[in-house]
Amino acid sequence: MFTEWLRKVTRGITVPIASFLGRIGVSANTVTLVGCLLTVAVAALLSRGHLRLGGICLVVAATLDSLDGTLARQTGKPTRFGAFFDSVLDRVSDSAVLLGLAWWYMSQPGLSEEILAYVATFGSLMVSYTRARAEAIGLECNVGLFTRVERTTVLIAALILGLTPLGLWLLAIGTVLTALHRVIHVYLRTRDAPI
């Protein structure tokens, strides 16, 4: 899976940074909050039409976002609240960026990009929700192509390369199909299981 590969590739960067942050007393929850606030700032940039700059800044925000879990493990302080907090703020970050794009496209001719941004927001939330509900009934559910790392990578590439409409098409279709894939995955494993 792309997510695991990316974690291995970036471990040489994230582990030393997380170790440094742990030594100076920064908590994983603080990193989570700062990463979310930075992403909301990126969303504000996107809402003003600064798409390429927003894509570059999103690289920084995504890098920071990848540090909180590593920092929690490095300091030996992963908590259930930390995992919950990270998951909630990830949803805030994802939605903010896509809604920032929708806001920008509302002021542009045509409706397709605006609608695609809304569909991608819905799809992103459904990808996360289907996983959370599956885990709540004791089933692992990491299937599908458009997990959060893939979504962020597609969006960053599209923004920086000036291919935002194409990126929104990929996100809208990919997130909805991934959510559907997860529903089918859970159905096939639980259809005969009693409550």
N, C-alpha and C. Protein backbone atom coordinates (compact mmCIF):
# COMPACT_ATOMS: atom_id res chain seq x y z
N MET A 1 0.84 -1.18 0.00
CA MET A 1 0.00 0.00 0.00
C MET A 1 0.89 1.25 0.00
N PHE A 2 0.41 2.27 -0.72
CA PHE A 2 1.18 3.50 -0.89
C PHE A 2 1.48 4.17 0.45
N THR A 3 0.52 4.14 1.36
CA THR A 3 0.69 4.79 2.67
C THR A 3 1.88 4.21 3.42
N GLU A 4 1.95 2.87 3.46
CA GLU A 4 3.06 2.21 4.17
C GLU A 4 4.40 2.50 3.50
N TRP A 5 4.40 2.48 2.16
CA TRP A 5 5.63 2.77 1.42
C TRP A 5 6.11 4.18 1.73
N LEU A 6 5.17 5.15 1.73
CA LEU A 6 5.55 6.54 2.00
C LEU A 6 6.08 6.70 3.41
N ARG A 7 5.47 6.00 4.36
CA ARG A 7 5.98 6.07 5.75
C ARG A 7 7.41 5.57 5.84
N LYS A 8 7.72 4.47 5.13
CA LYS A 8 9.08 3.93 5.15
C LYS A 8 10.06 4.90 4.51
N VAL A 9 9.65 5.49 3.39
CA VAL A 9 10.52 6.41 2.66
C VAL A 9 10.82 7.67 3.47
N THR A 10 9.81 8.18 4.17
CA THR A 10 9.98 9.44 4.91
C THR A 10 10.44 9.25 6.35
N ARG A 11 10.58 8.01 6.79
CA ARG A 11 10.98 7.74 8.17
C ARG A 11 12.30 8.42 8.54
N GLY A 12 13.22 8.48 7.58
CA GLY A 12 14.51 9.11 7.84
C GLY A 12 14.40 10.60 8.13
N ILE A 13 13.29 11.21 7.73
CA ILE A 13 13.06 12.63 8.00
C ILE A 13 12.18 12.81 9.23
N THR A 14 11.08 12.05 9.30
CA THR A 14 10.11 12.27 10.37
C THR A 14 10.62 11.84 11.74
N VAL A 15 11.38 10.74 11.80
CA VAL A 15 11.84 10.25 13.10
C VAL A 15 12.80 11.24 13.78
N PRO A 16 13.83 11.76 13.09
CA PRO A 16 14.70 12.75 13.75
C PRO A 16 13.95 14.02 14.18
N ILE A 17 13.02 14.49 13.32
CA ILE A 17 12.27 15.70 13.69
C ILE A 17 11.40 15.43 14.91
N ALA A 18 10.73 14.27 14.92
CA ALA A 18 9.89 13.91 16.06
C ALA A 18 10.73 13.76 17.33
N SER A 19 11.91 13.18 17.20
CA SER A 19 12.80 13.03 18.36
C SER A 19 13.19 14.40 18.92
N PHE A 20 13.50 15.33 18.03
CA PHE A 20 13.86 16.68 18.45
C PHE A 20 12.69 17.35 19.17
N LEU A 21 11.50 17.26 18.57
CA LEU A 21 10.32 17.87 19.19
C LEU A 21 10.04 17.27 20.56
N GLY A 22 10.23 15.96 20.68
CA GLY A 22 10.04 15.31 21.98
C GLY A 22 11.03 15.80 23.01
N ARG A 23 12.28 16.02 22.59
CA ARG A 23 13.32 16.48 23.52
C ARG A 23 13.03 17.89 24.04
N ILE A 24 12.41 18.73 23.21
CA ILE A 24 12.15 20.10 23.67
C ILE A 24 10.76 20.22 24.31
N GLY A 25 10.08 19.09 24.47
CA GLY A 25 8.84 19.08 25.24
C GLY A 25 7.55 19.35 24.47
N VAL A 26 7.61 19.26 23.16
CA VAL A 26 6.39 19.45 22.36
C VAL A 26 5.58 18.16 22.38
N SER A 27 4.29 18.26 22.64
CA SER A 27 3.45 17.06 22.69
C SER A 27 2.88 16.73 21.32
N ALA A 28 2.50 15.48 21.15
CA ALA A 28 1.89 15.04 19.88
C ALA A 28 0.59 15.79 19.62
N ASN A 29 -0.20 16.03 20.67
CA ASN A 29 -1.46 16.74 20.49
C ASN A 29 -1.24 18.18 20.02
N THR A 30 -0.16 18.79 20.49
CA THR A 30 0.18 20.15 20.03
C THR A 30 0.51 20.14 18.55
N VAL A 31 1.28 19.15 18.11
CA VAL A 31 1.62 19.02 16.69
C VAL A 31 0.36 18.80 15.86
N THR A 32 -0.55 17.97 16.38
CA THR A 32 -1.82 17.73 15.68
C THR A 32 -2.59 19.03 15.49
N LEU A 33 -2.70 19.81 16.56
CA LEU A 33 -3.44 21.07 16.51
C LEU A 33 -2.79 22.07 15.57
N VAL A 34 -1.47 22.22 15.66
CA VAL A 34 -0.76 23.17 14.79
C VAL A 34 -0.89 22.75 13.33
N GLY A 35 -0.80 21.43 13.06
CA GLY A 35 -0.96 20.95 11.69
C GLY A 35 -2.33 21.28 11.14
N CYS A 36 -3.36 21.13 11.96
CA CYS A 36 -4.72 21.45 11.53
C CYS A 36 -4.86 22.95 11.26
N LEU A 37 -4.33 23.77 12.17
CA LEU A 37 -4.42 25.22 11.98
C LEU A 37 -3.69 25.67 10.72
N LEU A 38 -2.56 25.05 10.45
CA LEU A 38 -1.81 25.37 9.23
C LEU A 38 -2.62 24.97 8.00
N THR A 39 -3.29 23.83 8.06
CA THR A 39 -4.10 23.39 6.93
C THR A 39 -5.30 24.32 6.71
N VAL A 40 -5.89 24.80 7.78
CA VAL A 40 -6.98 25.77 7.65
C VAL A 40 -6.45 27.06 7.01
N ALA A 41 -5.23 27.46 7.35
CA ALA A 41 -4.62 28.62 6.70
C ALA A 41 -4.41 28.37 5.21
N VAL A 42 -4.02 27.14 4.86
CA VAL A 42 -3.89 26.76 3.44
C VAL A 42 -5.25 26.88 2.75
N ALA A 43 -6.31 26.42 3.44
CA ALA A 43 -7.66 26.52 2.88
C ALA A 43 -8.02 27.97 2.60
N ALA A 44 -7.62 28.88 3.48
CA ALA A 44 -7.89 30.31 3.26
C ALA A 44 -7.15 30.81 2.02
N LEU A 45 -5.91 30.36 1.83
CA LEU A 45 -5.16 30.70 0.62
C LEU A 45 -5.89 30.21 -0.62
N LEU A 46 -6.35 28.97 -0.58
CA LEU A 46 -7.04 28.39 -1.73
C LEU A 46 -8.33 29.15 -2.03
N SER A 47 -9.02 29.56 -0.98
CA SER A 47 -10.29 30.28 -1.19
C SER A 47 -10.09 31.61 -1.88
N ARG A 48 -8.84 32.13 -1.84
CA ARG A 48 -8.52 33.40 -2.53
C ARG A 48 -7.92 33.16 -3.91
N GLY A 49 -7.82 31.88 -4.32
CA GLY A 49 -7.32 31.56 -5.65
C GLY A 49 -5.83 31.34 -5.75
N HIS A 50 -5.12 31.27 -4.64
CA HIS A 50 -3.67 31.03 -4.65
C HIS A 50 -3.42 29.52 -4.64
N LEU A 51 -3.75 28.87 -5.76
CA LEU A 51 -3.78 27.41 -5.80
C LEU A 51 -2.38 26.80 -5.74
N ARG A 52 -1.46 27.31 -6.54
CA ARG A 52 -0.10 26.73 -6.56
C ARG A 52 0.60 26.97 -5.21
N LEU A 53 0.49 28.17 -4.68
CA LEU A 53 1.07 28.47 -3.37
C LEU A 53 0.42 27.60 -2.30
N GLY A 54 -0.89 27.43 -2.40
CA GLY A 54 -1.59 26.56 -1.46
C GLY A 54 -1.09 25.13 -1.52
N GLY A 55 -0.80 24.65 -2.73
CA GLY A 55 -0.26 23.29 -2.88
C GLY A 55 1.10 23.15 -2.22
N ILE A 56 1.94 24.16 -2.39
CA ILE A 56 3.28 24.13 -1.77
C ILE A 56 3.15 24.16 -0.24
N CYS A 57 2.28 25.03 0.27
CA CYS A 57 2.08 25.10 1.72
C CYS A 57 1.45 23.82 2.27
N LEU A 58 0.64 23.17 1.44
CA LEU A 58 0.02 21.92 1.87
C LEU A 58 1.06 20.82 2.06
N VAL A 59 2.17 20.89 1.33
CA VAL A 59 3.27 19.93 1.54
C VAL A 59 3.79 20.06 2.97
N VAL A 60 3.97 21.31 3.41
CA VAL A 60 4.47 21.57 4.77
C VAL A 60 3.45 21.08 5.80
N ALA A 61 2.18 21.40 5.57
CA ALA A 61 1.12 21.00 6.51
C ALA A 61 1.01 19.48 6.59
N ALA A 62 1.11 18.81 5.45
CA ALA A 62 1.01 17.34 5.42
C ALA A 62 2.20 16.70 6.12
N THR A 63 3.38 17.31 5.96
CA THR A 63 4.58 16.80 6.63
C THR A 63 4.41 16.92 8.15
N LEU A 64 3.91 18.07 8.59
CA LEU A 64 3.67 18.27 10.02
C LEU A 64 2.63 17.29 10.54
N ASP A 65 1.60 17.07 9.72
CA ASP A 65 0.53 16.14 10.10
C ASP A 65 1.05 14.73 10.29
N SER A 66 2.10 14.37 9.54
CA SER A 66 2.63 13.01 9.64
C SER A 66 3.50 12.82 10.88
N LEU A 67 3.82 13.92 11.57
CA LEU A 67 4.74 13.85 12.71
C LEU A 67 4.08 13.45 14.03
N ASP A 68 2.76 13.72 14.18
CA ASP A 68 2.16 13.54 15.51
C ASP A 68 2.20 12.10 15.99
N GLY A 69 1.87 11.16 15.11
CA GLY A 69 1.91 9.75 15.51
C GLY A 69 3.32 9.29 15.82
N THR A 70 4.27 9.73 14.98
CA THR A 70 5.68 9.38 15.21
C THR A 70 6.16 9.96 16.53
N LEU A 71 5.79 11.20 16.80
CA LEU A 71 6.18 11.85 18.05
C LEU A 71 5.59 11.12 19.26
N ALA A 72 4.32 10.72 19.17
CA ALA A 72 3.68 9.99 20.28
C ALA A 72 4.42 8.69 20.55
N ARG A 73 4.80 7.98 19.49
CA ARG A 73 5.53 6.72 19.68
C ARG A 73 6.94 6.97 20.20
N GLN A 74 7.60 8.01 19.70
CA GLN A 74 8.97 8.33 20.14
C GLN A 74 9.01 8.67 21.63
N THR A 75 8.01 9.40 22.09
CA THR A 75 8.00 9.81 23.49
C THR A 75 7.35 8.76 24.39
N GLY A 76 6.84 7.70 23.79
CA GLY A 76 6.18 6.65 24.57
C GLY A 76 4.89 7.09 25.19
N LYS A 77 4.22 8.08 24.53
CA LYS A 77 2.98 8.62 25.10
C LYS A 77 1.81 8.60 24.13
N PRO A 78 1.64 7.50 23.38
CA PRO A 78 0.42 7.45 22.56
C PRO A 78 -0.79 7.22 23.46
N THR A 79 -1.84 7.99 23.25
CA THR A 79 -3.03 7.85 24.08
C THR A 79 -4.26 7.65 23.20
N ARG A 80 -5.31 7.13 23.81
CA ARG A 80 -6.56 6.95 23.07
C ARG A 80 -7.14 8.30 22.66
N PHE A 81 -7.02 9.29 23.56
CA PHE A 81 -7.51 10.62 23.20
C PHE A 81 -6.70 11.19 22.05
N GLY A 82 -5.39 10.99 22.07
CA GLY A 82 -4.54 11.50 20.98
C GLY A 82 -4.96 10.93 19.63
N ALA A 83 -5.25 9.63 19.59
CA ALA A 83 -5.70 9.00 18.35
C ALA A 83 -7.04 9.59 17.91
N PHE A 84 -7.95 9.78 18.87
CA PHE A 84 -9.25 10.37 18.58
C PHE A 84 -9.10 11.81 18.08
N PHE A 85 -8.30 12.60 18.79
CA PHE A 85 -8.08 14.00 18.46
C PHE A 85 -7.49 14.13 17.06
N ASP A 86 -6.51 13.29 16.75
CA ASP A 86 -5.88 13.29 15.44
C ASP A 86 -6.90 12.98 14.35
N SER A 87 -7.73 11.98 14.58
CA SER A 87 -8.73 11.59 13.60
C SER A 87 -9.75 12.70 13.35
N VAL A 88 -10.20 13.33 14.41
CA VAL A 88 -11.18 14.42 14.27
C VAL A 88 -10.57 15.59 13.50
N LEU A 89 -9.35 16.00 13.87
CA LEU A 89 -8.74 17.15 13.20
C LEU A 89 -8.32 16.82 11.77
N ASP A 90 -8.06 15.55 11.48
CA ASP A 90 -7.81 15.15 10.09
C ASP A 90 -9.05 15.42 9.24
N ARG A 91 -10.23 15.12 9.79
CA ARG A 91 -11.48 15.39 9.05
C ARG A 91 -11.68 16.88 8.85
N VAL A 92 -11.37 17.67 9.89
CA VAL A 92 -11.47 19.13 9.78
C VAL A 92 -10.54 19.63 8.68
N SER A 93 -9.30 19.14 8.68
CA SER A 93 -8.31 19.57 7.69
C SER A 93 -8.75 19.22 6.27
N ASP A 94 -9.16 17.97 6.07
CA ASP A 94 -9.58 17.54 4.73
C ASP A 94 -10.74 18.40 4.23
N SER A 95 -11.74 18.59 5.08
CA SER A 95 -12.92 19.35 4.69
C SER A 95 -12.58 20.81 4.42
N ALA A 96 -11.73 21.39 5.26
CA ALA A 96 -11.37 22.80 5.10
C ALA A 96 -10.72 23.05 3.75
N VAL A 97 -9.77 22.20 3.37
CA VAL A 97 -9.06 22.39 2.10
C VAL A 97 -10.02 22.30 0.92
N LEU A 98 -10.87 21.29 0.91
CA LEU A 98 -11.81 21.12 -0.20
C LEU A 98 -12.86 22.23 -0.22
N LEU A 99 -13.30 22.66 0.94
CA LEU A 99 -14.27 23.75 0.99
C LEU A 99 -13.63 25.08 0.58
N GLY A 100 -12.34 25.24 0.89
CA GLY A 100 -11.61 26.41 0.40
C GLY A 100 -11.59 26.45 -1.12
N LEU A 101 -11.36 25.29 -1.73
CA LEU A 101 -11.40 25.21 -3.19
C LEU A 101 -12.80 25.49 -3.72
N ALA A 102 -13.81 24.92 -3.05
CA ALA A 102 -15.19 25.16 -3.48
C ALA A 102 -15.51 26.65 -3.43
N TRP A 103 -15.05 27.31 -2.37
CA TRP A 103 -15.28 28.76 -2.22
C TRP A 103 -14.68 29.53 -3.39
N TRP A 104 -13.44 29.16 -3.74
CA TRP A 104 -12.78 29.84 -4.87
C TRP A 104 -13.56 29.61 -6.16
N TYR A 105 -13.96 28.38 -6.40
CA TYR A 105 -14.64 28.08 -7.66
C TYR A 105 -16.06 28.64 -7.71
N MET A 106 -16.62 28.99 -6.56
CA MET A 106 -17.93 29.66 -6.57
C MET A 106 -17.86 31.01 -7.28
N SER A 107 -16.69 31.63 -7.24
CA SER A 107 -16.54 32.95 -7.87
C SER A 107 -16.09 32.85 -9.32
N GLN A 108 -15.92 31.63 -9.82
CA GLN A 108 -15.46 31.42 -11.19
C GLN A 108 -16.63 30.99 -12.08
N PRO A 109 -16.49 31.17 -13.40
CA PRO A 109 -17.57 30.72 -14.30
C PRO A 109 -17.73 29.20 -14.23
N GLY A 110 -18.97 28.74 -14.36
CA GLY A 110 -19.24 27.30 -14.36
C GLY A 110 -19.38 26.77 -12.95
N LEU A 111 -19.95 25.57 -12.87
CA LEU A 111 -20.22 24.97 -11.56
C LEU A 111 -19.48 23.66 -11.33
N SER A 112 -18.85 23.11 -12.36
CA SER A 112 -18.35 21.74 -12.22
C SER A 112 -17.30 21.58 -11.12
N GLU A 113 -16.32 22.48 -11.05
CA GLU A 113 -15.28 22.34 -10.03
C GLU A 113 -15.84 22.51 -8.62
N GLU A 114 -16.77 23.44 -8.48
CA GLU A 114 -17.40 23.64 -7.17
C GLU A 114 -18.13 22.38 -6.72
N ILE A 115 -18.92 21.81 -7.61
CA ILE A 115 -19.66 20.58 -7.29
C ILE A 115 -18.70 19.43 -7.01
N LEU A 116 -17.64 19.32 -7.81
CA LEU A 116 -16.65 18.26 -7.58
C LEU A 116 -16.00 18.39 -6.21
N ALA A 117 -15.72 19.63 -5.79
CA ALA A 117 -15.12 19.84 -4.46
C ALA A 117 -16.08 19.38 -3.36
N TYR A 118 -17.37 19.66 -3.54
CA TYR A 118 -18.36 19.19 -2.55
C TYR A 118 -18.44 17.68 -2.53
N VAL A 119 -18.46 17.06 -3.72
CA VAL A 119 -18.53 15.59 -3.80
C VAL A 119 -17.28 14.97 -3.17
N ALA A 120 -16.11 15.57 -3.45
CA ALA A 120 -14.86 15.07 -2.86
C ALA A 120 -14.87 15.20 -1.34
N THR A 121 -15.46 16.27 -0.83
CA THR A 121 -15.59 16.44 0.63
C THR A 121 -16.46 15.33 1.20
N PHE A 122 -17.62 15.13 0.58
CA PHE A 122 -18.52 14.06 1.01
C PHE A 122 -17.81 12.70 0.95
N GLY A 123 -17.15 12.43 -0.18
CA GLY A 123 -16.47 11.14 -0.35
C GLY A 123 -15.37 10.93 0.68
N SER A 124 -14.61 11.98 0.95
CA SER A 124 -13.52 11.87 1.94
C SER A 124 -14.07 11.53 3.32
N LEU A 125 -15.16 12.21 3.68
CA LEU A 125 -15.77 11.92 4.99
C LEU A 125 -16.32 10.50 5.04
N MET A 126 -16.90 10.03 3.93
CA MET A 126 -17.45 8.68 3.90
C MET A 126 -16.36 7.61 3.95
N VAL A 127 -15.22 7.88 3.33
CA VAL A 127 -14.09 6.94 3.41
C VAL A 127 -13.69 6.75 4.88
N SER A 128 -13.58 7.86 5.60
CA SER A 128 -13.19 7.79 7.01
C SER A 128 -14.30 7.17 7.86
N TYR A 129 -15.53 7.54 7.57
CA TYR A 129 -16.66 7.04 8.37
C TYR A 129 -16.82 5.53 8.21
N THR A 130 -16.71 5.03 6.99
CA THR A 130 -16.87 3.59 6.79
C THR A 130 -15.78 2.81 7.54
N ARG A 131 -14.58 3.34 7.55
CA ARG A 131 -13.52 2.67 8.31
C ARG A 131 -13.82 2.69 9.81
N ALA A 132 -14.23 3.86 10.31
CA ALA A 132 -14.52 3.99 11.74
C ALA A 132 -15.65 3.05 12.16
N ARG A 133 -16.71 2.98 11.36
CA ARG A 133 -17.84 2.10 11.71
C ARG A 133 -17.44 0.64 11.63
N ALA A 134 -16.61 0.30 10.64
CA ALA A 134 -16.14 -1.09 10.53
C ALA A 134 -15.32 -1.46 11.76
N GLU A 135 -14.43 -0.56 12.17
CA GLU A 135 -13.59 -0.84 13.34
C GLU A 135 -14.44 -0.91 14.60
N ALA A 136 -15.54 -0.17 14.65
CA ALA A 136 -16.44 -0.20 15.82
C ALA A 136 -17.10 -1.57 15.97
N ILE A 137 -17.25 -2.30 14.87
CA ILE A 137 -17.82 -3.66 14.97
C ILE A 137 -16.74 -4.73 14.91
N GLY A 138 -15.48 -4.29 15.06
CA GLY A 138 -14.37 -5.23 15.20
C GLY A 138 -13.76 -5.71 13.90
N LEU A 139 -13.92 -4.96 12.82
CA LEU A 139 -13.41 -5.37 11.51
C LEU A 139 -12.42 -4.34 10.99
N GLU A 140 -11.24 -4.78 10.60
CA GLU A 140 -10.27 -3.87 10.00
C GLU A 140 -10.74 -3.51 8.60
N CYS A 141 -10.60 -2.24 8.23
CA CYS A 141 -11.13 -1.79 6.94
C CYS A 141 -10.23 -0.72 6.33
N ASN A 142 -9.07 -1.16 5.82
CA ASN A 142 -8.12 -0.24 5.19
C ASN A 142 -8.13 -0.36 3.68
N VAL A 143 -9.15 -1.01 3.11
CA VAL A 143 -9.18 -1.26 1.68
C VAL A 143 -9.49 0.01 0.92
N GLY A 144 -9.18 -0.02 -0.37
CA GLY A 144 -9.51 1.11 -1.24
C GLY A 144 -8.30 1.94 -1.59
N LEU A 145 -8.37 2.57 -2.74
CA LEU A 145 -7.24 3.34 -3.25
C LEU A 145 -7.09 4.72 -2.63
N PHE A 146 -8.18 5.39 -2.32
CA PHE A 146 -8.10 6.79 -1.93
C PHE A 146 -8.18 6.97 -0.42
N THR A 147 -7.15 6.45 0.28
CA THR A 147 -7.02 6.73 1.70
C THR A 147 -6.51 8.17 1.84
N ARG A 148 -6.34 8.62 3.05
CA ARG A 148 -6.00 10.04 3.26
C ARG A 148 -4.67 10.42 2.60
N VAL A 149 -3.68 9.56 2.67
CA VAL A 149 -2.38 9.89 2.08
C VAL A 149 -2.51 10.05 0.57
N GLU A 150 -3.22 9.13 -0.08
CA GLU A 150 -3.41 9.21 -1.52
C GLU A 150 -4.19 10.47 -1.91
N ARG A 151 -5.22 10.79 -1.13
CA ARG A 151 -6.01 11.99 -1.43
C ARG A 151 -5.15 13.24 -1.33
N THR A 152 -4.36 13.32 -0.28
CA THR A 152 -3.50 14.49 -0.09
C THR A 152 -2.46 14.59 -1.20
N THR A 153 -1.89 13.46 -1.59
CA THR A 153 -0.88 13.45 -2.65
C THR A 153 -1.47 13.91 -3.97
N VAL A 154 -2.65 13.41 -4.32
CA VAL A 154 -3.31 13.82 -5.56
C VAL A 154 -3.60 15.31 -5.54
N LEU A 155 -4.10 15.80 -4.41
CA LEU A 155 -4.45 17.21 -4.31
C LEU A 155 -3.22 18.11 -4.40
N ILE A 156 -2.16 17.75 -3.70
CA ILE A 156 -0.93 18.55 -3.76
C ILE A 156 -0.40 18.59 -5.19
N ALA A 157 -0.31 17.43 -5.83
CA ALA A 157 0.20 17.37 -7.21
C ALA A 157 -0.66 18.22 -8.14
N ALA A 158 -1.99 18.10 -8.01
CA ALA A 158 -2.89 18.84 -8.89
C ALA A 158 -2.74 20.35 -8.69
N LEU A 159 -2.63 20.79 -7.44
CA LEU A 159 -2.49 22.21 -7.16
C LEU A 159 -1.18 22.77 -7.70
N ILE A 160 -0.09 22.07 -7.43
CA ILE A 160 1.23 22.56 -7.85
C ILE A 160 1.38 22.54 -9.37
N LEU A 161 0.84 21.51 -10.02
CA LEU A 161 0.99 21.37 -11.47
C LEU A 161 -0.06 22.16 -12.26
N GLY A 162 -0.97 22.83 -11.55
CA GLY A 162 -2.00 23.59 -12.25
C GLY A 162 -3.07 22.72 -12.88
N LEU A 163 -3.29 21.55 -12.29
CA LEU A 163 -4.27 20.59 -12.81
C LEU A 163 -5.39 20.37 -11.78
N THR A 164 -5.79 21.44 -11.12
CA THR A 164 -6.77 21.32 -10.04
C THR A 164 -8.10 20.70 -10.50
N PRO A 165 -8.67 21.09 -11.65
CA PRO A 165 -9.92 20.45 -12.06
C PRO A 165 -9.77 18.93 -12.22
N LEU A 166 -8.67 18.49 -12.83
CA LEU A 166 -8.43 17.05 -12.97
C LEU A 166 -8.30 16.40 -11.60
N GLY A 167 -7.58 17.05 -10.68
CA GLY A 167 -7.43 16.52 -9.33
C GLY A 167 -8.77 16.37 -8.63
N LEU A 168 -9.66 17.36 -8.82
CA LEU A 168 -10.98 17.29 -8.20
C LEU A 168 -11.82 16.16 -8.79
N TRP A 169 -11.71 15.94 -10.09
CA TRP A 169 -12.39 14.80 -10.69
C TRP A 169 -11.89 13.49 -10.08
N LEU A 170 -10.57 13.35 -9.98
CA LEU A 170 -10.00 12.13 -9.39
C LEU A 170 -10.46 11.93 -7.95
N LEU A 171 -10.46 13.02 -7.18
CA LEU A 171 -10.86 12.92 -5.78
C LEU A 171 -12.34 12.60 -5.64
N ALA A 172 -13.18 13.25 -6.43
CA ALA A 172 -14.62 13.01 -6.34
C ALA A 172 -14.95 11.56 -6.67
N ILE A 173 -14.41 11.07 -7.78
CA ILE A 173 -14.70 9.69 -8.19
C ILE A 173 -14.01 8.70 -7.26
N GLY A 174 -12.74 8.95 -6.99
CA GLY A 174 -11.94 8.01 -6.19
C GLY A 174 -12.44 7.85 -4.76
N THR A 175 -12.86 8.94 -4.13
CA THR A 175 -13.32 8.83 -2.74
C THR A 175 -14.66 8.09 -2.65
N VAL A 176 -15.56 8.38 -3.57
CA VAL A 176 -16.86 7.70 -3.56
C VAL A 176 -16.68 6.21 -3.83
N LEU A 177 -15.81 5.87 -4.79
CA LEU A 177 -15.57 4.46 -5.08
C LEU A 177 -14.88 3.75 -3.91
N THR A 178 -13.97 4.45 -3.23
CA THR A 178 -13.31 3.86 -2.07
C THR A 178 -14.29 3.60 -0.94
N ALA A 179 -15.19 4.56 -0.69
CA ALA A 179 -16.21 4.36 0.34
C ALA A 179 -17.10 3.17 -0.02
N LEU A 180 -17.50 3.07 -1.29
CA LEU A 180 -18.32 1.95 -1.75
C LEU A 180 -17.57 0.64 -1.61
N HIS A 181 -16.29 0.64 -1.95
CA HIS A 181 -15.44 -0.55 -1.79
C HIS A 181 -15.44 -1.01 -0.34
N ARG A 182 -15.35 -0.07 0.58
CA ARG A 182 -15.34 -0.42 2.00
C ARG A 182 -16.69 -0.98 2.46
N VAL A 183 -17.77 -0.44 1.95
CA VAL A 183 -19.10 -0.97 2.29
C VAL A 183 -19.20 -2.43 1.82
N ILE A 184 -18.77 -2.68 0.57
CA ILE A 184 -18.82 -4.04 0.03
C ILE A 184 -17.91 -4.96 0.83
N HIS A 185 -16.72 -4.48 1.18
CA HIS A 185 -15.76 -5.25 1.99
C HIS A 185 -16.39 -5.69 3.31
N VAL A 186 -17.04 -4.74 3.99
CA VAL A 186 -17.68 -5.07 5.27
C VAL A 186 -18.86 -6.01 5.06
N TYR A 187 -19.63 -5.77 4.02
CA TYR A 187 -20.78 -6.64 3.73
C TYR A 187 -20.33 -8.09 3.53
N LEU A 188 -19.30 -8.29 2.74
CA LEU A 188 -18.85 -9.65 2.43
C LEU A 188 -18.32 -10.37 3.68
N ARG A 189 -17.83 -9.63 4.65
CA ARG A 189 -17.29 -10.26 5.86
C ARG A 189 -18.29 -10.36 7.01
N THR A 190 -19.40 -9.67 6.87
CA THR A 190 -20.35 -9.67 8.01
C THR A 190 -21.78 -10.04 7.64
N ARG A 191 -22.03 -10.34 6.37
CA ARG A 191 -23.43 -10.52 5.93
C ARG A 191 -24.17 -11.60 6.70
N ASP A 192 -23.47 -12.63 7.15
CA ASP A 192 -24.14 -13.71 7.90
C ASP A 192 -23.85 -13.67 9.39
N ALA A 193 -23.15 -12.64 9.82
CA ALA A 193 -22.78 -12.57 11.24
C ALA A 193 -23.92 -11.98 12.05
N PRO A 194 -24.30 -12.63 13.15
CA PRO A 194 -25.36 -12.07 14.00
C PRO A 194 -24.86 -10.85 14.76
N ILE A 195 -25.77 -10.05 15.22
CA ILE A 195 -25.40 -8.86 16.02
C ILE A 195 -25.00 -9.30 17.42
